[in-house]
Amino acid sequence: MVILYIILAFICLVLPLILTVFNIINLFKKKKIKENLIDILTFVLGILLTGLLYFLFGFKDYEQSLRLGGTQIDVHSPIASWSMPTVVTIVLLGIISYGLIRIKKLKLPPLIIVCSMSGILICSIFMIAFIIQLSNNLLEKQGIFYLALFPINYILCGLRAQIKVMERYKEQNIKAKEYENKFLNKCSKLLYDIDNWPVIAIILTIPLTVLLICILVLFGQRPDEVIKAFLETSDWSLSTKISPPPVIYDAHYLCTVSLRGHKNLVKPIRMGIRRGEKIVVNRQLCVANAFEDLIQERTPKFHHFIRHVYDKYGYPLSKHINTVIQADITYILMKPLEWLFLIVLYLFDEKPENRIAIQYTGKMNFNDCP
């Protein structure tokens, strides 16, 4: 099992850095180092790890409150979720364009090569914007640096592929086709002159971008969606939105930890106030806190004993509850205690539901729940 963890750590943490170094070397070195293998690993591992990281971070859009105190990262999504169709289309265009140049090479006509260079350029510009978006949290937030690695490697690979195909074409010394039509003849000479390719590729990005926008608009995306993808976010370099304040999920006590479970099970009912900060509360949490309030009011010494025992054993246990499933199980295991607390409340309190309802409303100063 330890060996498996070491292998996974190497693949996820070390190998991406090694591939980046090799891609930098291969960009400048004439004799490439295992170019095909490095390319395959870069794209396969890069796409998989970027997607996995994005999923594991559990990013939320700017209009949602972050739930602090759990395993979730404390920043919002760097890309607006509603812009993902546009983002995925641009990335696919970039990968397909790169694949055409890298695999087909000189088997393609000059116009297709130049169009592919335009596709790589469009995707590279997007990748640069994404790196800039991540820049303010690149080193501060754990794991964000690895989100930027695939964009960096794509740019390096794209530059290398374009330089290589232009060099190969020059070596072949392929002459322009002759046409009777003067306009076609001029176009042919322009396309077969390799020195013109970078300029033509830049010019072709305009109609190619317009075509992409038209297609995406038909599928419900906005014309400026690629820009809004970065702007309609918070916590990042290009963000323009302000998110609502974070919600605290206290990790100290079992009944608050259980709130990290699935909503359908733990049934959060409202927001509450605790120590001046917003928290999520459910019925179980309010009942537990109302019970503690009652015994503190009626039997202070017994309350002190219960609090001492719970702080000694319950708090260390709660620190090991780190997943949604574990939180669900905690909620279920706490149910018998919740029913016991309710019985005590209904036996010894004149208005038990009033006491329960007022918990975490900020109207009274109650102690922390168990």
Protein backbone atom coordinates (compact mmCIF):
# COMPACT_ATOMS: atom_id res chain seq x y z
CA MET A 1 0.00 0.00 0.00
CA VAL A 2 2.87 2.37 0.85
CA ILE A 3 4.51 1.65 -2.51
CA LEU A 4 1.23 2.48 -4.29
CA TYR A 5 1.05 5.85 -2.49
CA ILE A 6 4.67 6.59 -3.45
CA ILE A 7 3.94 5.78 -7.11
CA LEU A 8 0.80 7.96 -7.12
CA ALA A 9 2.70 10.82 -5.44
CA PHE A 10 5.42 10.55 -8.09
CA ILE A 11 2.92 10.55 -10.97
CA CYS A 12 0.85 13.44 -9.61
CA LEU A 13 3.49 15.65 -8.01
CA VAL A 14 6.94 14.90 -9.47
CA LEU A 15 6.31 13.70 -13.05
CA PRO A 16 4.49 16.92 -14.16
CA LEU A 17 7.54 18.95 -13.06
CA ILE A 18 9.93 16.60 -14.90
CA LEU A 19 7.83 16.82 -18.09
CA THR A 20 7.86 20.63 -17.87
CA VAL A 21 11.68 20.62 -17.67
CA PHE A 22 11.92 18.28 -20.69
CA ASN A 23 9.50 20.44 -22.69
CA ILE A 24 11.61 23.53 -22.00
CA ILE A 25 14.77 21.67 -23.08
CA ASN A 26 13.10 20.27 -26.23
CA LEU A 27 11.93 23.74 -27.26
CA PHE A 28 15.52 24.96 -27.60
CA LYS A 29 17.50 21.79 -28.26
CA LYS A 30 17.90 20.65 -31.88
CA LYS A 31 18.15 16.96 -30.99
CA LYS A 32 14.95 16.35 -29.02
CA ILE A 33 14.84 14.10 -25.96
CA LYS A 34 12.20 11.35 -26.34
CA GLU A 35 9.91 13.85 -28.04
CA ASN A 36 7.00 11.52 -28.83
CA LEU A 37 6.92 9.97 -25.34
CA ILE A 38 7.19 13.38 -23.64
CA ASP A 39 4.33 14.74 -25.80
CA ILE A 40 2.02 11.81 -25.08
CA LEU A 41 2.70 11.97 -21.33
CA THR A 42 2.30 15.75 -21.29
CA PHE A 43 -1.14 15.73 -22.87
CA VAL A 44 -2.57 12.56 -21.31
CA LEU A 45 -1.28 13.26 -17.78
CA GLY A 46 -1.85 17.01 -18.06
CA ILE A 47 -5.51 16.74 -19.07
CA LEU A 48 -6.28 14.00 -16.52
CA LEU A 49 -4.56 15.74 -13.59
CA THR A 50 -6.04 19.15 -14.38
CA GLY A 51 -9.54 17.65 -14.53
CA LEU A 52 -8.92 15.65 -11.34
CA LEU A 53 -7.61 18.71 -9.46
CA TYR A 54 -10.57 20.79 -10.56
CA PHE A 55 -12.92 18.06 -9.29
CA LEU A 56 -11.09 17.53 -5.98
CA PHE A 57 -10.98 21.25 -5.20
CA GLY A 58 -14.78 21.33 -5.48
CA PHE A 59 -14.75 24.89 -6.82
CA LYS A 60 -17.92 26.99 -6.48
CA ASP A 61 -19.03 30.00 -8.53
CA TYR A 62 -18.64 33.48 -7.09
CA GLU A 63 -22.33 33.90 -6.03
CA GLN A 64 -22.12 30.91 -3.64
CA SER A 65 -20.76 31.13 -0.10
CA LEU A 66 -17.73 29.03 0.67
CA ARG A 67 -18.10 26.56 3.51
CA LEU A 68 -14.98 26.91 5.61
CA GLY A 69 -13.83 24.40 8.19
CA GLY A 70 -14.17 21.39 5.89
CA THR A 71 -11.93 19.96 3.18
CA GLN A 72 -13.01 22.48 0.54
CA ILE A 73 -10.44 24.98 -0.78
CA ASP A 74 -11.07 28.53 0.44
CA VAL A 75 -11.29 30.21 -2.97
CA HIS A 76 -13.99 30.24 -5.64
CA SER A 77 -13.72 28.79 -9.13
CA PRO A 78 -11.20 30.57 -11.40
CA ILE A 79 -13.56 29.98 -14.35
CA ALA A 80 -17.32 30.58 -14.28
CA SER A 81 -19.14 27.25 -14.65
CA TRP A 82 -21.62 28.67 -17.20
CA SER A 83 -18.67 29.51 -19.48
CA MET A 84 -17.33 25.94 -19.53
CA PRO A 85 -18.75 25.06 -23.01
CA THR A 86 -16.70 27.92 -24.48
CA VAL A 87 -13.60 26.96 -22.48
CA VAL A 88 -13.83 23.27 -23.46
CA THR A 89 -14.32 24.20 -27.15
CA ILE A 90 -11.21 26.42 -27.17
CA VAL A 91 -9.12 23.73 -25.46
CA LEU A 92 -10.37 21.07 -27.91
CA LEU A 93 -9.56 23.36 -30.83
CA GLY A 94 -6.05 23.80 -29.44
CA ILE A 95 -5.48 20.08 -28.91
CA ILE A 96 -6.84 19.11 -32.36
CA SER A 97 -4.77 21.86 -34.04
CA TYR A 98 -1.65 20.70 -32.22
CA GLY A 99 -2.35 17.06 -33.11
CA LEU A 100 -2.72 17.87 -36.83
CA ILE A 101 0.65 19.64 -37.00
CA ARG A 102 2.43 17.20 -34.72
CA ILE A 103 1.19 13.97 -36.31
CA LYS A 104 0.55 14.85 -39.97
CA LYS A 105 3.42 17.34 -40.35
CA LEU A 106 4.23 17.79 -44.06
CA LYS A 107 1.33 15.62 -45.25
CA LEU A 108 -1.00 18.61 -44.82
CA PRO A 109 -1.48 21.40 -47.37
CA PRO A 110 -0.05 24.81 -46.29
CA LEU A 111 -3.52 26.33 -45.68
CA ILE A 112 -4.45 23.59 -43.17
CA ILE A 113 -1.08 23.99 -41.43
CA VAL A 114 -1.58 27.75 -41.11
CA CYS A 115 -5.16 27.26 -39.83
CA SER A 116 -3.82 24.78 -37.27
CA MET A 117 -1.23 27.34 -36.21
CA SER A 118 -4.12 29.80 -35.70
CA GLY A 119 -5.93 27.24 -33.53
CA ILE A 120 -2.80 26.77 -31.41
CA LEU A 121 -2.44 30.55 -31.09
CA ILE A 122 -6.07 31.00 -29.94
CA CYS A 123 -5.69 28.24 -27.35
CA SER A 124 -2.28 29.58 -26.22
CA ILE A 125 -3.76 33.05 -25.64
CA PHE A 126 -6.48 31.45 -23.52
CA MET A 127 -3.85 29.45 -21.58
CA ILE A 128 -1.87 32.63 -20.89
CA ALA A 129 -5.05 34.33 -19.61
CA PHE A 130 -5.72 31.30 -17.38
CA ILE A 131 -2.18 31.46 -15.93
CA ILE A 132 -2.62 35.19 -15.26
CA GLN A 133 -5.98 34.40 -13.58
CA LEU A 134 -4.26 31.91 -11.25
CA SER A 135 -1.21 34.10 -10.59
CA ASN A 136 -2.34 35.77 -7.35
CA ASN A 137 -2.96 32.37 -5.69
CA LEU A 138 -0.31 30.39 -7.56
CA LEU A 139 2.02 29.88 -4.60
CA GLU A 140 -0.27 30.87 -1.73
CA LYS A 141 -2.90 28.13 -2.17
CA GLN A 142 -1.84 24.51 -2.05
CA GLY A 143 -2.24 22.72 -5.39
CA ILE A 144 -3.06 25.80 -7.51
CA PHE A 145 0.45 25.75 -9.00
CA TYR A 146 -0.30 22.34 -10.54
CA LEU A 147 -3.39 23.77 -12.27
CA ALA A 148 -1.04 26.07 -14.23
CA LEU A 149 1.35 23.32 -15.34
CA PHE A 150 -0.65 21.94 -18.28
CA PRO A 151 -1.28 25.44 -19.76
CA ILE A 152 2.47 26.17 -19.49
CA ASN A 153 3.35 22.86 -21.15
CA TYR A 154 0.75 23.35 -23.90
CA ILE A 155 2.32 26.70 -24.82
CA LEU A 156 5.81 25.13 -24.89
CA CYS A 157 4.64 22.16 -27.01
CA GLY A 158 2.67 24.42 -29.37
CA LEU A 159 5.68 26.66 -30.03
CA ARG A 160 7.93 23.66 -30.64
CA ALA A 161 5.48 22.01 -33.05
CA GLN A 162 5.06 25.19 -35.11
CA ILE A 163 8.81 25.87 -35.32
CA LYS A 164 9.48 22.25 -36.29
CA VAL A 165 6.87 22.09 -39.06
CA MET A 166 8.15 25.38 -40.55
CA GLU A 167 11.74 24.09 -40.51
CA ARG A 168 10.72 20.81 -42.16
CA TYR A 169 8.80 22.66 -44.86
CA LYS A 170 11.83 24.83 -45.60
CA GLU A 171 14.03 21.75 -45.89
CA GLN A 172 11.63 20.20 -48.43
CA ASN A 173 11.79 23.36 -50.55
CA ILE A 174 8.27 22.77 -51.89
CA LYS A 175 7.43 25.21 -54.66
CA ALA A 176 4.15 27.06 -54.98
CA LYS A 177 1.54 25.69 -57.37
CA GLU A 178 0.94 27.65 -60.55
CA TYR A 179 -2.59 28.80 -61.40
CA GLU A 180 -3.97 30.62 -64.44
CA ASN A 181 -5.94 32.95 -62.16
CA LYS A 182 -3.64 35.77 -60.94
CA PHE A 183 -5.33 36.07 -57.55
CA LEU A 184 -5.01 32.32 -56.85
CA ASN A 185 -1.40 32.49 -58.02
CA LYS A 186 -0.60 35.24 -55.52
CA CYS A 187 -2.37 33.39 -52.73
CA SER A 188 -0.41 30.24 -53.57
CA LYS A 189 2.91 32.10 -53.44
CA LEU A 190 1.98 33.66 -50.10
CA LEU A 191 1.04 30.30 -48.57
CA TYR A 192 4.11 28.45 -49.85
CA ASP A 193 6.44 31.14 -48.48
CA ILE A 194 7.07 29.80 -44.97
CA ASP A 195 8.21 33.20 -43.67
CA ASN A 196 4.62 34.45 -44.14
CA TRP A 197 3.04 31.70 -42.05
CA PRO A 198 3.22 33.37 -38.59
CA VAL A 199 1.61 36.58 -39.94
CA ILE A 200 -1.07 34.67 -41.87
CA ALA A 201 -1.78 32.54 -38.77
CA ILE A 202 -2.31 35.67 -36.68
CA ILE A 203 -4.64 37.15 -39.32
CA LEU A 204 -6.62 33.89 -39.58
CA THR A 205 -7.29 33.88 -35.82
CA ILE A 206 -9.90 36.61 -36.44
CA PRO A 207 -12.22 34.69 -38.81
CA LEU A 208 -11.60 31.46 -36.87
CA THR A 209 -12.59 33.16 -33.60
CA VAL A 210 -15.69 34.68 -35.22
CA LEU A 211 -16.70 31.23 -36.53
CA LEU A 212 -16.25 29.72 -33.05
CA ILE A 213 -18.33 32.49 -31.45
CA CYS A 214 -21.15 32.01 -33.98
CA ILE A 215 -21.27 28.26 -33.28
CA LEU A 216 -21.18 28.75 -29.51
CA VAL A 217 -23.90 31.44 -29.61
CA LEU A 218 -26.18 28.87 -31.25
CA PHE A 219 -25.65 26.70 -28.15
CA GLY A 220 -26.56 29.48 -25.72
CA GLN A 221 -23.16 31.02 -25.03
CA ARG A 222 -22.63 34.79 -25.08
CA PRO A 223 -20.38 36.40 -27.74
CA ASP A 224 -17.94 37.60 -25.04
CA GLU A 225 -18.16 34.38 -23.02
CA VAL A 226 -14.41 33.69 -23.09
CA ILE A 227 -13.78 37.05 -21.39
CA LYS A 228 -16.66 36.67 -18.93
CA ALA A 229 -15.28 33.23 -18.01
CA PHE A 230 -12.49 35.00 -16.10
CA LEU A 231 -14.26 38.23 -15.11
CA GLU A 232 -17.38 36.63 -13.57
CA THR A 233 -15.36 35.10 -10.74
CA SER A 234 -13.98 36.20 -7.38
CA ASP A 235 -10.68 35.65 -5.49
CA TRP A 236 -8.52 35.64 -8.67
CA SER A 237 -6.37 38.12 -10.62
CA LEU A 238 -8.95 38.97 -13.31
CA SER A 239 -12.03 38.64 -11.08
CA THR A 240 -14.55 41.48 -10.93
CA LYS A 241 -17.21 39.96 -8.65
CA ILE A 242 -17.56 40.02 -4.86
CA SER A 243 -18.74 36.82 -3.21
CA PRO A 244 -21.04 36.56 -0.17
CA PRO A 245 -19.21 36.01 3.16
CA PRO A 246 -18.07 32.45 3.87
CA VAL A 247 -20.11 30.05 5.96
CA ILE A 248 -18.29 28.41 8.84
CA TYR A 249 -18.47 24.66 9.31
CA ASP A 250 -16.92 24.27 12.75
CA ALA A 251 -14.64 21.21 12.88
CA HIS A 252 -14.53 21.07 16.69
CA TYR A 253 -17.73 19.18 17.58
CA LEU A 254 -19.50 16.11 16.28
CA CYS A 255 -22.88 17.73 15.60
CA THR A 256 -21.28 20.56 13.57
CA VAL A 257 -18.96 18.19 11.71
CA SER A 258 -21.96 16.08 10.70
CA LEU A 259 -23.35 19.07 8.78
CA ARG A 260 -20.73 18.40 6.10
CA GLY A 261 -22.79 15.37 5.07
CA HIS A 262 -25.24 15.12 2.18
CA LYS A 263 -27.94 17.80 2.42
CA ASN A 264 -30.77 15.31 1.83
CA LEU A 265 -29.68 13.47 4.95
CA VAL A 266 -28.46 16.14 7.40
CA LYS A 267 -31.19 18.60 6.31
CA PRO A 268 -29.73 22.09 6.94
CA ILE A 269 -32.64 24.40 7.81
CA ARG A 270 -31.17 27.93 7.99
CA MET A 271 -28.16 30.11 8.60
CA GLY A 272 -27.15 30.89 12.17
CA ILE A 273 -24.74 33.13 14.08
CA ARG A 274 -21.96 31.75 16.22
CA ARG A 275 -19.18 33.89 17.69
CA GLY A 276 -20.19 36.65 15.29
CA GLU A 277 -19.82 34.44 12.18
CA LYS A 278 -22.41 32.81 9.93
CA ILE A 279 -22.79 29.04 10.23
CA VAL A 280 -25.16 26.43 8.81
CA VAL A 281 -27.54 24.86 11.33
CA ASN A 282 -29.91 21.91 11.26
CA ARG A 283 -32.44 20.45 13.71
CA GLN A 284 -29.90 18.13 15.34
CA LEU A 285 -27.49 20.98 16.03
CA CYS A 286 -30.20 23.19 17.56
CA VAL A 287 -31.52 20.37 19.74
CA ALA A 288 -28.03 19.55 21.04
CA ASN A 289 -27.28 23.17 21.85
CA ALA A 290 -30.70 23.66 23.51
CA PHE A 291 -30.03 20.59 25.69
CA GLU A 292 -26.66 21.97 26.79
CA ASP A 293 -28.23 25.35 27.51
CA LEU A 294 -30.88 23.66 29.70
CA ILE A 295 -28.46 21.59 31.82
CA GLN A 296 -26.13 24.58 32.20
CA GLU A 297 -29.08 26.58 33.47
CA ARG A 298 -30.42 23.90 35.84
CA THR A 299 -27.30 21.95 36.92
CA PRO A 300 -24.10 23.94 36.27
CA LYS A 301 -21.82 21.37 37.95
CA PHE A 302 -23.22 18.48 35.90
CA HIS A 303 -22.85 20.62 32.76
CA HIS A 304 -19.20 21.27 33.63
CA PHE A 305 -18.59 17.50 33.99
CA ILE A 306 -20.29 16.70 30.64
CA ARG A 307 -18.37 19.46 28.88
CA HIS A 308 -15.06 18.20 30.32
CA VAL A 309 -15.73 14.60 29.21
CA TYR A 310 -16.86 15.66 25.74
CA ASP A 311 -13.92 18.02 25.17
CA LYS A 312 -11.56 15.23 26.18
CA TYR A 313 -13.02 12.50 23.92
CA GLY A 314 -15.40 14.07 21.40
CA TYR A 315 -13.11 16.78 20.05
CA PRO A 316 -10.20 14.42 19.13
CA LEU A 317 -12.70 12.10 17.43
CA SER A 318 -14.23 14.93 15.38
CA LYS A 319 -10.83 15.79 13.86
CA HIS A 320 -10.81 12.43 12.06
CA ILE A 321 -14.12 13.09 10.25
CA ASN A 322 -12.94 14.47 6.90
CA THR A 323 -15.27 13.10 4.22
CA VAL A 324 -18.95 13.46 3.32
CA ILE A 325 -19.62 9.76 4.02
CA GLN A 326 -17.97 9.98 7.44
CA ALA A 327 -20.11 13.06 8.21
CA ASP A 328 -23.25 11.15 7.15
CA ILE A 329 -22.36 8.28 9.49
CA THR A 330 -21.70 10.75 12.33
CA TYR A 331 -25.12 12.34 11.80
CA ILE A 332 -26.82 8.92 11.94
CA LEU A 333 -24.88 7.86 15.06
CA MET A 334 -25.84 11.13 16.76
CA LYS A 335 -29.57 10.47 16.18
CA PRO A 336 -30.17 8.43 19.39
CA LEU A 337 -28.48 11.22 21.38
CA GLU A 338 -30.68 13.79 19.64
CA TRP A 339 -33.79 11.84 20.68
CA LEU A 340 -32.46 11.60 24.25
CA PHE A 341 -31.84 15.37 24.30
CA LEU A 342 -35.41 15.94 23.06
CA ILE A 343 -36.89 13.72 25.81
CA VAL A 344 -34.97 15.68 28.48
CA LEU A 345 -36.05 19.01 26.95
CA TYR A 346 -39.72 18.00 26.85
CA LEU A 347 -39.58 16.66 30.42
CA PHE A 348 -37.88 19.62 32.09
CA ASP A 349 -38.51 22.69 29.91
CA GLU A 350 -41.84 24.53 29.72
CA LYS A 351 -41.32 25.63 26.12
CA PRO A 352 -38.77 23.23 24.56
CA GLU A 353 -39.46 24.20 20.95
CA ASN A 354 -38.94 27.88 21.75
CA ARG A 355 -35.58 27.08 23.27
CA ILE A 356 -34.64 24.98 20.22
CA ALA A 357 -35.82 27.62 17.73
CA ILE A 358 -33.83 30.43 19.31
CA GLN A 359 -30.47 28.64 19.06
CA TYR A 360 -27.85 30.45 16.93
CA THR A 361 -30.15 33.39 16.20
CA GLY A 362 -27.93 35.86 18.04
CA LYS A 363 -30.78 36.81 20.40
CA MET A 364 -29.31 34.95 23.40
CA ASN A 365 -25.77 34.01 24.44
CA PHE A 366 -25.60 30.22 24.47
CA ASN A 367 -22.47 28.12 24.84
CA ASP A 368 -21.02 26.09 21.98
CA CYS A 369 -22.94 22.97 21.07
CA PRO A 370 -21.49 19.53 21.81
